[in-house]
Amino acid sequence: MINKNDQLDQVSEKIVEIKSRKKKIDNTQKQIRGKQISIAMRISIELIIAIIIGAILGWYIDKWLDTKPIFFYNFPHSRRCVRNKNRYRILEAIV
């Protein structure tokens, strides 16, 4: 007959094993979540920076050529090209 202490030892070993498996799963989920947050932050920062840089360049070119606000309003097209290029580059990194 199995001793009660042996049974308790077996149960405690199983509990430790299950907890260690759960920790491994939690760590991989945290890593995946961290990568997702990193990609989301990168996309949002690149979109905002593209808008700001395009607006500043358009503003200063209009000021330099004394053609108000032609370039300031036409720079969104170039900003869209930059954003699409960045999106494509990010999607390549994900896949």
N, C-alpha and C. Protein backbone atom coordinates (compact mmCIF):
# COMPACT_ATOMS: atom_id res chain seq x y z
N MET A 1 0.82 -1.18 0.00
CA MET A 1 0.00 0.00 0.00
C MET A 1 0.88 1.26 0.00
N ILE A 2 0.42 2.26 -0.71
CA ILE A 2 1.20 3.49 -0.82
C ILE A 2 0.99 4.34 0.43
N ASN A 3 2.06 4.84 0.91
CA ASN A 3 2.03 5.66 2.10
C ASN A 3 1.37 7.01 1.78
N LYS A 4 0.71 7.62 2.75
CA LYS A 4 0.05 8.91 2.53
C LYS A 4 1.07 9.99 2.18
N ASN A 5 2.24 9.91 2.76
CA ASN A 5 3.28 10.90 2.45
C ASN A 5 3.72 10.78 0.98
N ASP A 6 3.78 9.55 0.48
CA ASP A 6 4.13 9.35 -0.93
C ASP A 6 3.06 9.94 -1.84
N GLN A 7 1.80 9.75 -1.47
CA GLN A 7 0.71 10.31 -2.26
C GLN A 7 0.78 11.84 -2.25
N LEU A 8 1.04 12.41 -1.08
CA LEU A 8 1.15 13.86 -0.99
C LEU A 8 2.34 14.38 -1.81
N ASP A 9 3.44 13.64 -1.79
CA ASP A 9 4.60 14.02 -2.59
C ASP A 9 4.28 13.99 -4.07
N GLN A 10 3.55 12.97 -4.50
CA GLN A 10 3.17 12.87 -5.92
C GLN A 10 2.26 14.02 -6.32
N VAL A 11 1.29 14.32 -5.47
CA VAL A 11 0.37 15.43 -5.76
C VAL A 11 1.13 16.75 -5.80
N SER A 12 2.02 16.97 -4.85
CA SER A 12 2.76 18.23 -4.84
C SER A 12 3.69 18.34 -6.05
N GLU A 13 4.26 17.23 -6.50
CA GLU A 13 5.08 17.24 -7.72
C GLU A 13 4.25 17.60 -8.94
N LYS A 14 3.04 17.06 -9.02
CA LYS A 14 2.15 17.38 -10.14
C LYS A 14 1.76 18.86 -10.12
N ILE A 15 1.51 19.37 -8.93
CA ILE A 15 1.15 20.79 -8.81
C ILE A 15 2.30 21.67 -9.28
N VAL A 16 3.50 21.33 -8.87
CA VAL A 16 4.69 22.10 -9.28
C VAL A 16 4.87 22.02 -10.79
N GLU A 17 4.66 20.85 -11.36
CA GLU A 17 4.79 20.67 -12.81
C GLU A 17 3.77 21.51 -13.57
N ILE A 18 2.54 21.50 -13.10
CA ILE A 18 1.48 22.28 -13.77
C ILE A 18 1.77 23.78 -13.66
N LYS A 19 2.22 24.22 -12.49
CA LYS A 19 2.55 25.64 -12.32
C LYS A 19 3.70 26.06 -13.23
N SER A 20 4.70 25.20 -13.39
CA SER A 20 5.82 25.54 -14.26
C SER A 20 5.38 25.61 -15.72
N ARG A 21 4.47 24.73 -16.13
CA ARG A 21 3.94 24.80 -17.50
C ARG A 21 3.18 26.10 -17.71
N LYS A 22 2.40 26.50 -16.71
CA LYS A 22 1.62 27.73 -16.82
C LYS A 22 2.55 28.94 -16.93
N LYS A 23 3.64 28.94 -16.18
CA LYS A 23 4.59 30.06 -16.26
C LYS A 23 5.22 30.15 -17.64
N LYS A 24 5.52 29.01 -18.26
CA LYS A 24 6.09 29.02 -19.61
C LYS A 24 5.10 29.61 -20.60
N ILE A 25 3.83 29.21 -20.47
CA ILE A 25 2.79 29.73 -21.37
C ILE A 25 2.62 31.23 -21.15
N ASP A 26 2.60 31.67 -19.89
CA ASP A 26 2.46 33.09 -19.59
C ASP A 26 3.61 33.90 -20.18
N ASN A 27 4.83 33.38 -20.10
CA ASN A 27 5.98 34.09 -20.65
C ASN A 27 5.90 34.23 -22.16
N THR A 28 5.48 33.17 -22.85
CA THR A 28 5.36 33.27 -24.31
C THR A 28 4.23 34.23 -24.69
N GLN A 29 3.14 34.22 -23.94
CA GLN A 29 2.06 35.15 -24.23
C GLN A 29 2.50 36.59 -23.98
N LYS A 30 3.29 36.81 -22.95
CA LYS A 30 3.80 38.16 -22.68
C LYS A 30 4.74 38.61 -23.79
N GLN A 31 5.55 37.71 -24.31
CA GLN A 31 6.45 38.06 -25.40
C GLN A 31 5.67 38.42 -26.66
N ILE A 32 4.65 37.63 -26.97
CA ILE A 32 3.82 37.91 -28.15
C ILE A 32 3.12 39.25 -27.98
N ARG A 33 2.55 39.49 -26.80
CA ARG A 33 1.86 40.75 -26.54
C ARG A 33 2.82 41.93 -26.63
N GLY A 34 4.03 41.75 -26.13
CA GLY A 34 5.03 42.81 -26.20
C GLY A 34 5.39 43.15 -27.64
N LYS A 35 5.50 42.14 -28.50
CA LYS A 35 5.79 42.39 -29.91
C LYS A 35 4.64 43.12 -30.57
N GLN A 36 3.40 42.75 -30.23
CA GLN A 36 2.24 43.41 -30.81
C GLN A 36 2.20 44.88 -30.41
N ILE A 37 2.45 45.16 -29.15
CA ILE A 37 2.45 46.55 -28.68
C ILE A 37 3.58 47.33 -29.35
N SER A 38 4.72 46.70 -29.51
CA SER A 38 5.86 47.35 -30.16
C SER A 38 5.53 47.73 -31.60
N ILE A 39 4.89 46.82 -32.32
CA ILE A 39 4.52 47.10 -33.71
C ILE A 39 3.48 48.21 -33.77
N ALA A 40 2.50 48.19 -32.87
CA ALA A 40 1.47 49.23 -32.85
C ALA A 40 2.07 50.59 -32.55
N MET A 41 2.98 50.66 -31.61
CA MET A 41 3.63 51.93 -31.29
C MET A 41 4.47 52.42 -32.46
N ARG A 42 5.16 51.52 -33.12
CA ARG A 42 5.99 51.90 -34.27
C ARG A 42 5.12 52.48 -35.38
N ILE A 43 4.01 51.83 -35.67
CA ILE A 43 3.12 52.31 -36.73
C ILE A 43 2.57 53.69 -36.38
N SER A 44 2.09 53.86 -35.15
CA SER A 44 1.49 55.14 -34.78
C SER A 44 2.53 56.26 -34.79
N ILE A 45 3.72 55.99 -34.31
CA ILE A 45 4.77 57.02 -34.30
C ILE A 45 5.16 57.39 -35.73
N GLU A 46 5.31 56.41 -36.60
CA GLU A 46 5.70 56.71 -37.98
C GLU A 46 4.61 57.51 -38.71
N LEU A 47 3.35 57.20 -38.44
CA LEU A 47 2.27 57.96 -39.08
C LEU A 47 2.27 59.41 -38.60
N ILE A 48 2.41 59.61 -37.32
CA ILE A 48 2.39 60.96 -36.77
C ILE A 48 3.60 61.76 -37.25
N ILE A 49 4.77 61.15 -37.24
CA ILE A 49 5.98 61.84 -37.69
C ILE A 49 5.88 62.21 -39.17
N ALA A 50 5.32 61.32 -39.99
CA ALA A 50 5.17 61.62 -41.42
C ALA A 50 4.27 62.84 -41.62
N ILE A 51 3.20 62.93 -40.86
CA ILE A 51 2.30 64.08 -40.98
C ILE A 51 3.01 65.36 -40.55
N ILE A 52 3.69 65.30 -39.44
CA ILE A 52 4.36 66.50 -38.91
C ILE A 52 5.47 66.97 -39.85
N ILE A 53 6.29 66.05 -40.33
CA ILE A 53 7.39 66.43 -41.23
C ILE A 53 6.84 66.99 -42.54
N GLY A 54 5.80 66.36 -43.09
CA GLY A 54 5.20 66.87 -44.32
C GLY A 54 4.63 68.26 -44.15
N ALA A 55 3.97 68.50 -43.02
CA ALA A 55 3.41 69.83 -42.78
C ALA A 55 4.51 70.88 -42.62
N ILE A 56 5.55 70.53 -41.90
CA ILE A 56 6.65 71.48 -41.71
C ILE A 56 7.36 71.78 -43.02
N LEU A 57 7.64 70.74 -43.81
CA LEU A 57 8.29 70.96 -45.11
C LEU A 57 7.41 71.81 -46.02
N GLY A 58 6.13 71.51 -46.09
CA GLY A 58 5.22 72.30 -46.92
C GLY A 58 5.16 73.75 -46.47
N TRP A 59 5.11 73.95 -45.17
CA TRP A 59 5.06 75.30 -44.61
C TRP A 59 6.30 76.11 -44.99
N TYR A 60 7.48 75.51 -44.82
CA TYR A 60 8.72 76.24 -45.11
C TYR A 60 8.96 76.42 -46.60
N ILE A 61 8.54 75.48 -47.43
CA ILE A 61 8.68 75.67 -48.88
C ILE A 61 7.75 76.79 -49.34
N ASP A 62 6.52 76.84 -48.79
CA ASP A 62 5.62 77.94 -49.11
C ASP A 62 6.20 79.27 -48.65
N LYS A 63 6.80 79.28 -47.50
CA LYS A 63 7.39 80.50 -46.98
C LYS A 63 8.59 80.93 -47.83
N TRP A 64 9.41 79.97 -48.25
CA TRP A 64 10.60 80.25 -49.04
C TRP A 64 10.23 80.76 -50.43
N LEU A 65 9.24 80.13 -51.08
CA LEU A 65 8.84 80.52 -52.43
C LEU A 65 7.74 81.58 -52.44
N ASP A 66 7.26 81.94 -51.27
CA ASP A 66 6.20 82.94 -51.11
C ASP A 66 4.94 82.53 -51.89
N THR A 67 4.58 81.26 -51.76
CA THR A 67 3.39 80.72 -52.42
C THR A 67 2.51 80.07 -51.35
N LYS A 68 1.77 80.87 -50.66
CA LYS A 68 0.98 80.34 -49.55
C LYS A 68 -0.26 79.66 -50.07
N PRO A 69 -0.79 78.74 -49.57
CA PRO A 69 -0.47 77.45 -48.95
C PRO A 69 -0.45 76.31 -49.95
N ILE A 70 0.12 76.50 -51.12
CA ILE A 70 0.11 75.47 -52.16
C ILE A 70 0.81 74.20 -51.69
N PHE A 71 2.05 74.32 -51.28
CA PHE A 71 2.82 73.13 -50.89
C PHE A 71 2.32 72.55 -49.57
N PHE A 72 1.83 73.39 -48.69
CA PHE A 72 1.32 72.89 -47.42
C PHE A 72 0.15 71.94 -47.64
N TYR A 73 -0.68 72.24 -48.62
CA TYR A 73 -1.83 71.36 -48.91
C TYR A 73 -1.49 70.24 -49.87
N ASN A 74 -0.45 70.40 -50.69
CA ASN A 74 -0.07 69.35 -51.64
C ASN A 74 0.87 68.31 -51.05
N PHE A 75 1.46 68.58 -49.92
CA PHE A 75 2.36 67.61 -49.31
C PHE A 75 1.66 66.38 -48.73
N PRO A 76 0.35 66.40 -48.49
CA PRO A 76 -0.28 65.14 -48.03
C PRO A 76 -0.09 64.00 -49.01
N HIS A 77 0.01 64.30 -50.30
CA HIS A 77 0.22 63.22 -51.29
C HIS A 77 1.58 62.56 -51.07
N SER A 78 2.60 63.36 -50.84
CA SER A 78 3.91 62.76 -50.58
C SER A 78 3.92 62.05 -49.22
N ARG A 79 3.17 62.59 -48.26
CA ARG A 79 3.08 61.94 -46.96
C ARG A 79 2.39 60.59 -47.09
N ARG A 80 1.40 60.51 -47.96
CA ARG A 80 0.72 59.22 -48.17
C ARG A 80 1.68 58.19 -48.76
N CYS A 81 2.51 58.63 -49.67
CA CYS A 81 3.50 57.70 -50.25
C CYS A 81 4.45 57.19 -49.18
N VAL A 82 4.90 58.07 -48.32
CA VAL A 82 5.81 57.66 -47.25
C VAL A 82 5.10 56.71 -46.29
N ARG A 83 3.85 57.01 -45.96
CA ARG A 83 3.10 56.12 -45.05
C ARG A 83 2.91 54.75 -45.66
N ASN A 84 2.58 54.71 -46.96
CA ASN A 84 2.39 53.41 -47.61
C ASN A 84 3.69 52.62 -47.65
N LYS A 85 4.78 53.31 -47.90
CA LYS A 85 6.09 52.64 -47.88
C LYS A 85 6.39 52.08 -46.50
N ASN A 86 6.10 52.85 -45.46
CA ASN A 86 6.34 52.38 -44.09
C ASN A 86 5.43 51.22 -43.74
N ARG A 87 4.18 51.28 -44.16
CA ARG A 87 3.26 50.16 -43.90
C ARG A 87 3.75 48.89 -44.56
N TYR A 88 4.20 49.01 -45.80
CA TYR A 88 4.71 47.84 -46.51
C TYR A 88 5.93 47.26 -45.81
N ARG A 89 6.82 48.14 -45.36
CA ARG A 89 8.02 47.68 -44.66
C ARG A 89 7.67 47.00 -43.34
N ILE A 90 6.70 47.53 -42.63
CA ILE A 90 6.28 46.92 -41.36
C ILE A 90 5.61 45.58 -41.61
N LEU A 91 4.78 45.49 -42.63
CA LEU A 91 4.13 44.22 -42.94
C LEU A 91 5.14 43.16 -43.35
N GLU A 92 6.19 43.56 -44.05
CA GLU A 92 7.25 42.61 -44.39
C GLU A 92 7.93 42.10 -43.12
N ALA A 93 8.12 42.98 -42.16
CA ALA A 93 8.77 42.57 -40.91
C ALA A 93 7.89 41.63 -40.11
N ILE A 94 6.58 41.81 -40.18
CA ILE A 94 5.66 40.95 -39.43
C ILE A 94 5.61 39.57 -40.04
N VAL A 95 5.48 39.52 -41.35
CA VAL A 95 5.35 38.22 -42.04
C VAL A 95 6.70 37.66 -42.24
